[in-house]
Protein backbone atom coordinates (compact mmCIF):
# COMPACT_ATOMS: atom_id res chain seq x y z
CA MET A 1 -20.10 -7.28 -5.92
CA SER A 2 -18.59 -9.78 -8.27
CA PHE A 3 -15.12 -11.18 -7.85
CA GLY A 4 -13.26 -12.33 -11.01
CA GLN A 5 -11.14 -14.66 -8.85
CA SER A 6 -11.53 -15.45 -5.12
CA PRO A 7 -12.11 -12.53 -2.96
CA LEU A 8 -8.87 -13.34 -1.06
CA ALA A 9 -6.65 -13.53 -4.23
CA GLU A 10 -8.32 -10.26 -5.57
CA ILE A 11 -7.55 -8.41 -2.31
CA GLU A 12 -3.98 -9.62 -2.19
CA GLY A 13 -3.64 -8.80 -5.90
CA LEU A 14 -4.52 -5.00 -5.10
CA PHE A 15 -0.92 -4.72 -3.73
CA SER A 16 0.56 -5.57 -7.19
CA GLU A 17 -1.61 -2.89 -8.61
CA TRP A 18 -0.35 -0.44 -5.89
CA ASN A 19 3.24 -1.49 -6.62
CA LYS A 20 2.99 -1.12 -10.33
CA ALA A 21 1.76 2.53 -9.65
CA LEU A 22 4.62 3.05 -7.34
CA VAL A 23 7.18 1.64 -9.65
CA SER A 24 5.78 3.88 -12.50
CA GLY A 25 7.28 6.95 -10.66
CA ASP A 26 3.93 8.83 -11.33
CA PRO A 27 2.44 9.71 -7.87
CA ASP A 28 -0.85 10.47 -9.37
CA LYS A 29 -1.17 6.86 -10.37
CA VAL A 30 -0.72 5.89 -6.72
CA VAL A 31 -3.06 8.43 -5.42
CA ARG A 32 -5.74 7.25 -7.69
CA LEU A 33 -5.87 4.05 -5.71
CA TYR A 34 -6.78 5.96 -2.45
CA ALA A 35 -10.37 7.08 -1.61
CA THR A 36 -10.70 10.87 -1.32
CA ASN A 37 -11.01 10.49 2.51
CA ALA A 38 -8.14 7.94 2.88
CA ILE A 39 -5.64 8.09 5.61
CA LEU A 40 -2.07 7.23 5.11
CA LEU A 41 0.37 6.64 8.07
CA PRO A 42 3.55 6.38 6.02
CA THR A 43 6.74 4.54 6.68
CA LEU A 44 9.27 7.54 6.21
CA SER A 45 7.21 10.24 7.68
CA ASN A 46 5.88 11.12 11.14
CA LYS A 47 3.01 13.20 9.50
CA PRO A 48 -0.38 11.52 8.88
CA ARG A 49 -1.61 12.19 5.33
CA THR A 50 -5.50 12.74 5.26
CA SER A 51 -6.00 14.20 1.78
CA HIS A 52 -5.18 13.32 -1.97
CA ALA A 53 -2.77 16.32 -1.95
CA GLU A 54 -0.95 15.06 1.11
CA ILE A 55 -0.69 11.58 0.01
CA ARG A 56 0.50 12.73 -3.38
CA ASP A 57 3.21 14.98 -1.64
CA TYR A 58 4.52 12.06 0.47
CA PHE A 59 4.87 9.72 -2.56
CA ALA A 60 6.43 12.38 -4.83
CA LYS A 61 8.89 13.90 -2.41
CA THR A 62 9.57 11.41 0.10
CA PHE A 63 9.03 7.79 -0.95
CA MET A 64 9.25 7.64 -4.82
CA PRO A 65 12.59 9.34 -5.06
CA CYS A 66 14.02 6.32 -3.30
CA GLY A 67 13.11 4.10 -6.32
CA PRO A 68 11.02 1.54 -4.24
CA SER A 69 9.67 -1.72 -5.52
CA GLY A 70 7.75 -4.17 -3.16
CA THR A 71 6.84 -7.76 -2.91
CA ILE A 72 4.60 -9.68 -0.43
CA VAL A 73 6.60 -11.65 2.13
CA LYS A 74 3.44 -12.74 4.08
CA ALA A 75 -0.13 -11.46 3.68
CA TYR A 76 -3.24 -11.93 5.83
CA VAL A 77 -6.40 -11.10 4.06
CA ARG A 78 -9.93 -10.72 5.52
CA VAL A 79 -13.02 -9.64 3.75
CA PHE A 80 -16.16 -8.22 5.36
CA ALA A 81 -18.67 -7.39 2.68
CA ASP A 82 -17.66 -3.98 1.28
CA VAL A 83 -14.43 -3.78 3.56
CA ALA A 84 -11.29 -5.76 3.02
CA ILE A 85 -7.96 -5.79 5.02
CA CYS A 86 -4.60 -7.01 3.71
CA SER A 87 -2.07 -6.94 6.46
CA GLY A 88 1.51 -8.44 6.60
CA ILE A 89 5.17 -8.30 5.97
CA PHE A 90 6.35 -6.70 2.63
CA ALA A 91 9.81 -6.57 1.33
CA PHE A 92 11.06 -3.47 -0.57
CA THR A 93 14.17 -2.89 -2.56
CA PHE A 94 15.45 0.61 -3.53
CA SER A 95 17.31 2.20 -6.51
CA ASP A 96 20.54 2.47 -4.29
CA GLN A 97 20.29 -1.46 -3.83
CA SER A 98 19.25 -1.15 -0.17
CA ALA A 99 16.32 -3.29 1.10
CA ALA A 100 13.90 -3.17 3.96
CA GLN A 101 11.14 -5.26 5.37
CA VAL A 102 8.06 -3.31 6.66
CA ARG A 103 4.71 -4.16 8.31
CA LYS A 104 1.81 -2.90 6.14
CA SER A 105 -1.95 -2.69 6.52
CA PHE A 106 -4.17 -1.80 3.61
CA VAL A 107 -7.94 -1.34 4.41
CA TYR A 108 -10.02 -1.12 1.17
CA ARG A 109 -13.64 -0.29 0.83
CA TRP A 110 -15.79 -1.35 -2.43
CA ASN A 111 -17.42 1.82 -3.79
CA GLY A 112 -19.69 -0.05 -6.07
CA GLU A 113 -17.10 -0.06 -9.03
CA GLU A 114 -13.64 -0.79 -7.41
CA TRP A 115 -11.75 -1.38 -4.17
CA LEU A 116 -10.15 1.81 -2.91
CA ILE A 117 -7.69 2.29 -0.12
CA VAL A 118 -9.26 4.07 2.85
CA GLU A 119 -6.50 3.42 5.41
CA HIS A 120 -2.94 2.55 4.78
CA HIS A 121 -0.33 2.02 7.57
CA SER A 122 3.36 1.05 7.11
CA SER A 123 6.18 0.89 9.48
CA LEU A 124 9.66 -0.34 9.59
CA MET A 125 10.22 -3.78 11.39
CA PRO A 126 11.51 -3.16 14.85
CA GLU A 127 14.22 -5.77 14.61
CA GLN A 128 16.13 -7.48 11.99
CA PRO A 129 14.79 -10.72 10.61
CA VAL A 130 16.19 -13.98 12.13
CA ALA A 131 18.16 -15.91 9.76
């Protein structure tokens, strides 16, 4: 496996790719970033999503209609050969001008050609940020 930049920067950059797909409004662009056996534990649904069809349904019907756009507040990246984890705090703004901070964990696996999401967990922060 060859990294064009440092492995940590490359893994952190995968969030930017995911966010661009999200902002595009096309759920198929988002789903393409997930392995076929990926698991999504989403922010706005109690239902785990365990197939591309279920992941697509969540983004198309639940999350993308909110007009989300995210940024990394603080990320912690670890790389273990063909598995990488990016966890941290992410800020989202929405088309209605609301905002939220969430905890996210993305687990990626290198398939020989690209990093794909195999596990994605997201939850709202349990308390308001301290000023």
